[in-house]
N, C-alpha and C. Protein backbone atom coordinates (compact mmCIF):
# COMPACT_ATOMS: atom_id res chain seq x y z
N MET A 1 100.21 118.13 85.45
CA MET A 1 100.22 117.65 86.81
C MET A 1 101.22 118.44 87.64
N THR A 2 102.51 118.15 87.56
CA THR A 2 103.47 118.90 88.36
C THR A 2 103.96 120.14 87.63
N SER A 3 103.37 120.47 86.50
CA SER A 3 103.86 121.60 85.71
C SER A 3 103.75 122.92 86.46
N GLY A 4 102.80 123.05 87.38
CA GLY A 4 102.64 124.28 88.12
C GLY A 4 103.48 124.34 89.39
N ILE A 5 104.24 123.29 89.68
CA ILE A 5 105.03 123.23 90.90
C ILE A 5 106.42 123.79 90.63
N ARG A 6 106.83 124.74 91.46
CA ARG A 6 108.17 125.32 91.34
C ARG A 6 108.97 124.93 92.57
N PHE A 7 110.23 124.64 92.34
CA PHE A 7 111.10 124.23 93.43
C PHE A 7 112.00 125.38 93.87
N THR A 8 112.21 125.47 95.18
CA THR A 8 113.18 126.42 95.71
C THR A 8 114.57 125.81 95.54
N SER A 9 115.60 126.60 95.73
CA SER A 9 116.96 126.06 95.61
C SER A 9 117.21 125.00 96.69
N ARG A 10 116.60 125.17 97.84
CA ARG A 10 116.74 124.19 98.92
C ARG A 10 116.12 122.85 98.52
N GLU A 11 114.93 122.89 97.94
CA GLU A 11 114.28 121.66 97.47
C GLU A 11 115.10 121.01 96.37
N MET A 12 115.65 121.82 95.48
CA MET A 12 116.44 121.27 94.38
C MET A 12 117.72 120.58 94.90
N ARG A 13 118.31 121.11 95.97
CA ARG A 13 119.49 120.47 96.56
C ARG A 13 119.10 119.10 97.15
N TYR A 14 117.96 119.05 97.85
CA TYR A 14 117.51 117.77 98.41
C TYR A 14 117.18 116.77 97.30
N ILE A 15 116.57 117.23 96.23
CA ILE A 15 116.25 116.35 95.10
C ILE A 15 117.53 115.79 94.49
N ALA A 16 118.51 116.67 94.26
CA ALA A 16 119.79 116.23 93.66
C ALA A 16 120.49 115.21 94.56
N LEU A 17 120.50 115.45 95.86
CA LEU A 17 121.12 114.52 96.80
C LEU A 17 120.39 113.18 96.77
N PHE A 18 119.06 113.23 96.85
CA PHE A 18 118.24 112.01 96.85
C PHE A 18 118.50 111.20 95.58
N GLU A 19 118.47 111.86 94.42
CA GLU A 19 118.65 111.14 93.15
C GLU A 19 120.06 110.58 93.02
N SER A 20 121.07 111.30 93.51
CA SER A 20 122.45 110.81 93.39
C SER A 20 122.69 109.61 94.31
N ILE A 21 122.07 109.59 95.49
CA ILE A 21 122.25 108.47 96.43
C ILE A 21 121.44 107.25 95.99
N THR A 22 120.19 107.48 95.54
CA THR A 22 119.29 106.35 95.29
C THR A 22 119.23 105.90 93.83
N GLY A 23 119.38 106.81 92.90
CA GLY A 23 119.19 106.48 91.48
C GLY A 23 117.73 106.55 91.07
N ALA A 24 116.86 106.91 92.00
CA ALA A 24 115.42 107.03 91.70
C ALA A 24 115.13 108.43 91.15
N THR A 25 114.05 108.56 90.40
CA THR A 25 113.65 109.84 89.83
C THR A 25 112.61 110.51 90.72
N VAL A 26 112.91 111.73 91.14
CA VAL A 26 112.01 112.49 92.01
C VAL A 26 111.10 113.38 91.16
N LYS A 27 109.79 113.33 91.43
CA LYS A 27 108.83 114.17 90.75
C LYS A 27 108.49 115.41 91.58
N ASP A 28 108.60 115.29 92.90
CA ASP A 28 108.25 116.40 93.78
C ASP A 28 108.96 116.21 95.12
N CYS A 29 109.16 117.34 95.80
CA CYS A 29 109.83 117.34 97.09
C CYS A 29 109.14 118.37 97.97
N ILE A 30 108.71 117.95 99.14
CA ILE A 30 108.06 118.86 100.08
C ILE A 30 108.87 118.82 101.38
N ILE A 31 109.39 119.97 101.77
CA ILE A 31 110.15 120.07 103.02
C ILE A 31 109.19 120.52 104.11
N ASP A 32 109.07 119.70 105.13
CA ASP A 32 108.19 120.00 106.26
C ASP A 32 109.06 120.23 107.49
N ASP A 33 109.48 121.49 107.69
CA ASP A 33 110.37 121.82 108.81
C ASP A 33 109.67 121.62 110.16
N GLU A 34 108.37 121.83 110.18
CA GLU A 34 107.61 121.69 111.43
C GLU A 34 107.73 120.28 112.00
N LEU A 35 107.66 119.29 111.13
CA LEU A 35 107.75 117.89 111.56
C LEU A 35 109.12 117.28 111.25
N ASN A 36 110.07 118.11 110.82
CA ASN A 36 111.44 117.69 110.52
C ASN A 36 111.48 116.51 109.54
N ARG A 37 110.73 116.65 108.44
CA ARG A 37 110.70 115.58 107.46
C ARG A 37 110.74 116.15 106.05
N ILE A 38 111.13 115.29 105.11
CA ILE A 38 111.10 115.63 103.70
C ILE A 38 110.28 114.54 103.02
N ILE A 39 109.30 114.96 102.23
CA ILE A 39 108.44 114.02 101.52
C ILE A 39 108.85 114.05 100.05
N PHE A 40 109.21 112.90 99.54
CA PHE A 40 109.58 112.78 98.13
C PHE A 40 108.50 112.01 97.39
N ILE A 41 108.03 112.57 96.28
CA ILE A 41 107.13 111.86 95.38
C ILE A 41 108.04 111.36 94.27
N ILE A 42 108.07 110.04 94.09
CA ILE A 42 108.99 109.50 93.11
C ILE A 42 108.25 108.80 91.98
N LYS A 43 108.98 108.64 90.88
CA LYS A 43 108.42 108.02 89.68
C LYS A 43 107.89 106.63 89.97
N GLU A 44 106.79 106.30 89.32
CA GLU A 44 106.19 104.97 89.47
C GLU A 44 107.23 103.89 89.19
N GLY A 45 107.31 102.91 90.09
CA GLY A 45 108.23 101.80 89.90
C GLY A 45 109.60 102.00 90.52
N ASP A 46 109.88 103.19 91.06
CA ASP A 46 111.21 103.48 91.62
C ASP A 46 111.31 103.28 93.14
N VAL A 47 110.26 102.79 93.77
CA VAL A 47 110.27 102.68 95.23
C VAL A 47 111.39 101.78 95.73
N GLY A 48 111.56 100.64 95.11
CA GLY A 48 112.57 99.68 95.55
C GLY A 48 113.97 100.26 95.54
N ILE A 49 114.35 100.88 94.43
CA ILE A 49 115.71 101.44 94.36
C ILE A 49 115.84 102.67 95.25
N ALA A 50 114.74 103.39 95.46
CA ALA A 50 114.80 104.57 96.33
C ALA A 50 115.10 104.16 97.77
N ILE A 51 114.44 103.12 98.25
CA ILE A 51 114.63 102.68 99.63
C ILE A 51 115.98 101.99 99.79
N GLY A 52 116.33 101.16 98.81
CA GLY A 52 117.59 100.42 98.89
C GLY A 52 117.44 99.17 99.74
N ARG A 53 118.39 98.26 99.59
CA ARG A 53 118.35 96.99 100.33
C ARG A 53 118.39 97.25 101.82
N GLY A 54 117.37 96.76 102.52
CA GLY A 54 117.31 96.94 103.97
C GLY A 54 117.15 98.40 104.40
N GLY A 55 116.69 99.26 103.48
CA GLY A 55 116.51 100.67 103.81
C GLY A 55 117.80 101.48 103.82
N LYS A 56 118.85 100.92 103.21
CA LYS A 56 120.18 101.53 103.23
C LYS A 56 120.18 102.97 102.71
N ASN A 57 119.52 103.22 101.58
CA ASN A 57 119.52 104.57 100.99
C ASN A 57 118.84 105.59 101.90
N ILE A 58 117.72 105.20 102.47
CA ILE A 58 116.98 106.11 103.34
C ILE A 58 117.79 106.41 104.60
N HIS A 59 118.40 105.39 105.18
CA HIS A 59 119.21 105.61 106.39
C HIS A 59 120.38 106.54 106.09
N THR A 60 121.01 106.36 104.93
CA THR A 60 122.13 107.23 104.54
C THR A 60 121.65 108.67 104.41
N LEU A 61 120.53 108.87 103.71
CA LEU A 61 120.00 110.22 103.52
C LEU A 61 119.59 110.87 104.83
N GLU A 62 118.98 110.10 105.70
CA GLU A 62 118.53 110.65 106.98
C GLU A 62 119.73 111.04 107.85
N ARG A 63 120.80 110.26 107.79
CA ARG A 63 122.02 110.62 108.52
C ARG A 63 122.63 111.90 107.95
N MET A 64 122.64 112.02 106.63
CA MET A 64 123.26 113.18 105.99
C MET A 64 122.48 114.48 106.22
N THR A 65 121.15 114.38 106.23
CA THR A 65 120.32 115.59 106.31
C THR A 65 119.80 115.87 107.71
N GLY A 66 119.77 114.85 108.57
CA GLY A 66 119.21 115.02 109.91
C GLY A 66 117.69 115.12 109.90
N LYS A 67 117.07 114.74 108.79
CA LYS A 67 115.62 114.79 108.68
C LYS A 67 115.08 113.41 108.34
N LYS A 68 113.82 113.17 108.69
CA LYS A 68 113.11 111.94 108.34
C LYS A 68 112.72 112.05 106.87
N HIS A 69 112.84 110.96 106.13
CA HIS A 69 112.47 110.95 104.72
C HIS A 69 111.27 110.04 104.50
N GLU A 70 110.27 110.55 103.78
CA GLU A 70 109.09 109.75 103.44
C GLU A 70 109.02 109.67 101.92
N ILE A 71 108.74 108.48 101.44
CA ILE A 71 108.70 108.25 99.99
C ILE A 71 107.30 107.80 99.60
N ILE A 72 106.77 108.44 98.56
CA ILE A 72 105.46 108.08 98.04
C ILE A 72 105.60 107.85 96.54
N GLU A 73 105.11 106.73 96.08
CA GLU A 73 105.16 106.42 94.65
C GLU A 73 104.05 107.18 93.93
N HIS A 74 104.42 107.88 92.87
CA HIS A 74 103.46 108.67 92.12
C HIS A 74 102.54 107.78 91.29
N SER A 75 101.35 108.27 91.01
CA SER A 75 100.42 107.63 90.08
C SER A 75 99.56 108.73 89.48
N GLU A 76 99.23 108.58 88.21
CA GLU A 76 98.34 109.54 87.53
C GLU A 76 96.90 109.36 87.99
N LYS A 77 96.60 108.18 88.56
CA LYS A 77 95.24 107.89 89.03
C LYS A 77 95.10 108.34 90.47
N PRO A 78 94.16 109.23 90.78
CA PRO A 78 94.02 109.75 92.14
C PRO A 78 93.85 108.66 93.20
N ALA A 79 93.02 107.66 92.94
CA ALA A 79 92.78 106.61 93.94
C ALA A 79 94.07 105.83 94.22
N GLN A 80 94.82 105.52 93.19
CA GLN A 80 96.07 104.77 93.38
C GLN A 80 97.10 105.62 94.11
N PHE A 81 97.15 106.90 93.79
CA PHE A 81 98.08 107.82 94.46
C PHE A 81 97.77 107.89 95.96
N ILE A 82 96.50 108.02 96.30
CA ILE A 82 96.09 108.07 97.71
C ILE A 82 96.46 106.76 98.41
N LYS A 83 96.21 105.65 97.72
CA LYS A 83 96.55 104.34 98.28
C LYS A 83 98.07 104.24 98.54
N ASN A 84 98.86 104.70 97.58
CA ASN A 84 100.32 104.69 97.74
C ASN A 84 100.75 105.55 98.92
N ALA A 85 100.10 106.71 99.07
CA ALA A 85 100.47 107.65 100.14
C ALA A 85 100.11 107.12 101.52
N LEU A 86 99.15 106.22 101.59
CA LEU A 86 98.72 105.68 102.88
C LEU A 86 99.44 104.39 103.27
N LYS A 87 100.31 103.89 102.42
CA LYS A 87 101.04 102.67 102.77
C LYS A 87 101.84 102.91 104.03
N PRO A 88 101.91 101.95 104.91
CA PRO A 88 101.59 100.53 104.80
C PRO A 88 100.17 100.17 105.22
N ALA A 89 99.30 101.15 105.47
CA ALA A 89 97.92 100.85 105.84
C ALA A 89 97.21 100.14 104.68
N HIS A 90 96.39 99.16 105.02
CA HIS A 90 95.63 98.43 104.00
C HIS A 90 94.35 99.21 103.68
N VAL A 91 94.24 99.66 102.43
CA VAL A 91 93.08 100.43 101.98
C VAL A 91 92.06 99.48 101.37
N ASN A 92 90.82 99.52 101.89
CA ASN A 92 89.76 98.66 101.36
C ASN A 92 89.11 99.28 100.12
N GLU A 93 88.84 100.59 100.20
CA GLU A 93 88.11 101.25 99.11
C GLU A 93 88.38 102.75 99.15
N ILE A 94 88.37 103.36 97.96
CA ILE A 94 88.49 104.82 97.84
C ILE A 94 87.38 105.28 96.92
N ARG A 95 86.55 106.19 97.45
CA ARG A 95 85.47 106.77 96.64
C ARG A 95 85.77 108.25 96.45
N ILE A 96 85.88 108.65 95.20
CA ILE A 96 86.13 110.06 94.88
C ILE A 96 84.86 110.58 94.22
N SER A 97 84.32 111.67 94.76
CA SER A 97 83.08 112.20 94.20
C SER A 97 83.07 113.71 94.23
N GLU A 98 82.28 114.26 93.33
CA GLU A 98 82.12 115.71 93.28
C GLU A 98 80.82 116.06 93.97
N ARG A 99 80.91 116.98 94.91
CA ARG A 99 79.72 117.39 95.65
C ARG A 99 78.95 118.42 94.85
N THR A 100 77.73 118.70 95.31
CA THR A 100 76.88 119.65 94.59
C THR A 100 77.48 121.05 94.57
N ASP A 101 78.33 121.38 95.56
CA ASP A 101 78.95 122.70 95.57
C ASP A 101 80.20 122.77 94.67
N GLY A 102 80.49 121.67 93.95
CA GLY A 102 81.61 121.65 93.01
C GLY A 102 82.91 121.16 93.62
N ARG A 103 82.93 120.95 94.94
CA ARG A 103 84.16 120.47 95.58
C ARG A 103 84.30 118.96 95.39
N THR A 104 85.53 118.53 95.16
CA THR A 104 85.81 117.11 95.01
C THR A 104 86.33 116.57 96.33
N ILE A 105 85.78 115.45 96.76
CA ILE A 105 86.22 114.84 98.02
C ILE A 105 86.55 113.37 97.79
N ALA A 106 87.39 112.84 98.66
CA ALA A 106 87.72 111.42 98.61
C ALA A 106 87.42 110.82 99.98
N VAL A 107 86.72 109.69 99.98
CA VAL A 107 86.45 108.97 101.22
C VAL A 107 87.23 107.67 101.13
N VAL A 108 88.13 107.48 102.08
CA VAL A 108 89.02 106.33 102.07
C VAL A 108 88.62 105.40 103.21
N SER A 109 88.33 104.15 102.86
CA SER A 109 87.99 103.15 103.85
C SER A 109 89.21 102.26 104.06
N VAL A 110 89.71 102.24 105.30
CA VAL A 110 90.89 101.42 105.60
C VAL A 110 90.49 100.30 106.56
N ASP A 111 91.30 99.28 106.58
CA ASP A 111 91.11 98.18 107.51
C ASP A 111 91.11 98.76 108.93
N PRO A 112 90.14 98.39 109.77
CA PRO A 112 90.06 98.97 111.12
C PRO A 112 91.35 98.88 111.92
N LYS A 113 92.11 97.79 111.77
CA LYS A 113 93.36 97.67 112.53
C LYS A 113 94.45 98.60 112.00
N ASP A 114 94.27 99.14 110.79
CA ASP A 114 95.26 100.05 110.19
C ASP A 114 94.86 101.52 110.27
N LYS A 115 93.72 101.80 110.90
CA LYS A 115 93.24 103.18 110.93
C LYS A 115 94.23 104.12 111.60
N GLY A 116 94.85 103.67 112.69
CA GLY A 116 95.84 104.49 113.38
C GLY A 116 97.04 104.80 112.50
N VAL A 117 97.49 103.82 111.73
CA VAL A 117 98.61 104.01 110.81
C VAL A 117 98.22 105.01 109.72
N ALA A 118 97.01 104.87 109.18
CA ALA A 118 96.56 105.76 108.11
C ALA A 118 96.46 107.21 108.58
N ILE A 119 95.94 107.41 109.77
CA ILE A 119 95.78 108.77 110.29
C ILE A 119 97.12 109.32 110.77
N GLY A 120 97.91 108.49 111.42
CA GLY A 120 99.22 108.89 111.89
C GLY A 120 99.16 109.62 113.21
N LYS A 121 100.33 109.75 113.84
CA LYS A 121 100.43 110.44 115.12
C LYS A 121 100.00 111.89 114.96
N ASN A 122 99.06 112.31 115.80
CA ASN A 122 98.50 113.67 115.74
C ASN A 122 97.92 114.02 114.37
N GLY A 123 97.52 113.01 113.59
CA GLY A 123 96.89 113.25 112.29
C GLY A 123 97.86 113.65 111.19
N ARG A 124 99.17 113.43 111.39
CA ARG A 124 100.15 113.91 110.41
C ARG A 124 100.03 113.21 109.06
N ASN A 125 99.72 111.91 109.03
CA ASN A 125 99.56 111.21 107.74
C ASN A 125 98.30 111.68 107.02
N ALA A 126 97.24 111.89 107.77
CA ALA A 126 95.99 112.38 107.17
C ALA A 126 96.20 113.77 106.58
N GLU A 127 96.91 114.63 107.30
CA GLU A 127 97.18 115.98 106.78
C GLU A 127 98.05 115.92 105.52
N ARG A 128 99.04 115.02 105.53
CA ARG A 128 99.92 114.87 104.37
C ARG A 128 99.11 114.47 103.14
N ILE A 129 98.21 113.50 103.30
CA ILE A 129 97.45 113.05 102.14
C ILE A 129 96.47 114.11 101.67
N ARG A 130 95.90 114.88 102.59
CA ARG A 130 95.01 115.99 102.17
C ARG A 130 95.79 117.02 101.36
N PHE A 131 96.97 117.38 101.83
CA PHE A 131 97.81 118.35 101.13
C PHE A 131 98.16 117.84 99.73
N LEU A 132 98.60 116.58 99.63
CA LEU A 132 99.02 116.03 98.35
C LEU A 132 97.85 115.84 97.38
N ALA A 133 96.69 115.41 97.89
CA ALA A 133 95.51 115.22 97.03
C ALA A 133 95.08 116.55 96.42
N LYS A 134 95.17 117.61 97.21
CA LYS A 134 94.82 118.93 96.71
C LYS A 134 95.87 119.41 95.70
N ARG A 135 97.14 119.20 96.01
CA ARG A 135 98.25 119.66 95.16
C ARG A 135 98.24 119.00 93.79
N TYR A 136 97.91 117.71 93.74
CA TYR A 136 97.97 116.97 92.48
C TYR A 136 96.64 116.82 91.75
N PHE A 137 95.54 116.69 92.49
CA PHE A 137 94.28 116.33 91.85
C PHE A 137 93.12 117.27 92.18
N GLN A 138 93.39 118.39 92.83
CA GLN A 138 92.36 119.35 93.22
C GLN A 138 91.22 118.70 94.02
N ILE A 139 91.59 117.73 94.85
CA ILE A 139 90.64 117.10 95.76
C ILE A 139 90.69 117.92 97.05
N GLN A 140 89.55 118.53 97.41
CA GLN A 140 89.54 119.46 98.52
C GLN A 140 89.62 118.80 99.89
N ASN A 141 89.11 117.57 100.01
CA ASN A 141 89.17 116.92 101.32
C ASN A 141 89.29 115.41 101.16
N VAL A 142 90.02 114.82 102.08
CA VAL A 142 90.15 113.37 102.13
C VAL A 142 89.73 112.94 103.52
N SER A 143 88.75 112.06 103.57
CA SER A 143 88.23 111.57 104.85
C SER A 143 88.61 110.10 104.98
N ILE A 144 89.20 109.75 106.13
CA ILE A 144 89.63 108.37 106.37
C ILE A 144 88.64 107.73 107.35
N THR A 145 88.01 106.64 106.90
CA THR A 145 87.01 105.96 107.74
C THR A 145 87.42 104.52 107.99
């Protein structure tokens, strides 16, 4: 899964800082300078300690780095991973299928009132999930309906 992912020294510094502040285990770190955010993929079950009581850990990290931090709980199951990445949007169904051309796609059905949250401002959440689905599960496209 993450065996093919290599970290830069900058990513490794952010991972070390995150783990020392939160006590959570980081599986991956993506620095998005364009949107001034850092996306951390953390070990299953570590979300609570990563965020901290009342969001204390995240607020501390954001003050220290000057960047927005996003946390996604890892899962070996593609559908669960996509669901985790789209939180807090309520996901009704995820269909993952292989097309005749060999490409794998995921169609995600979300509650209509949560569609804006799932897609995000200017499509940033949708782009994030497409990037992550491809990085971890070789899913070429994720469509949010």
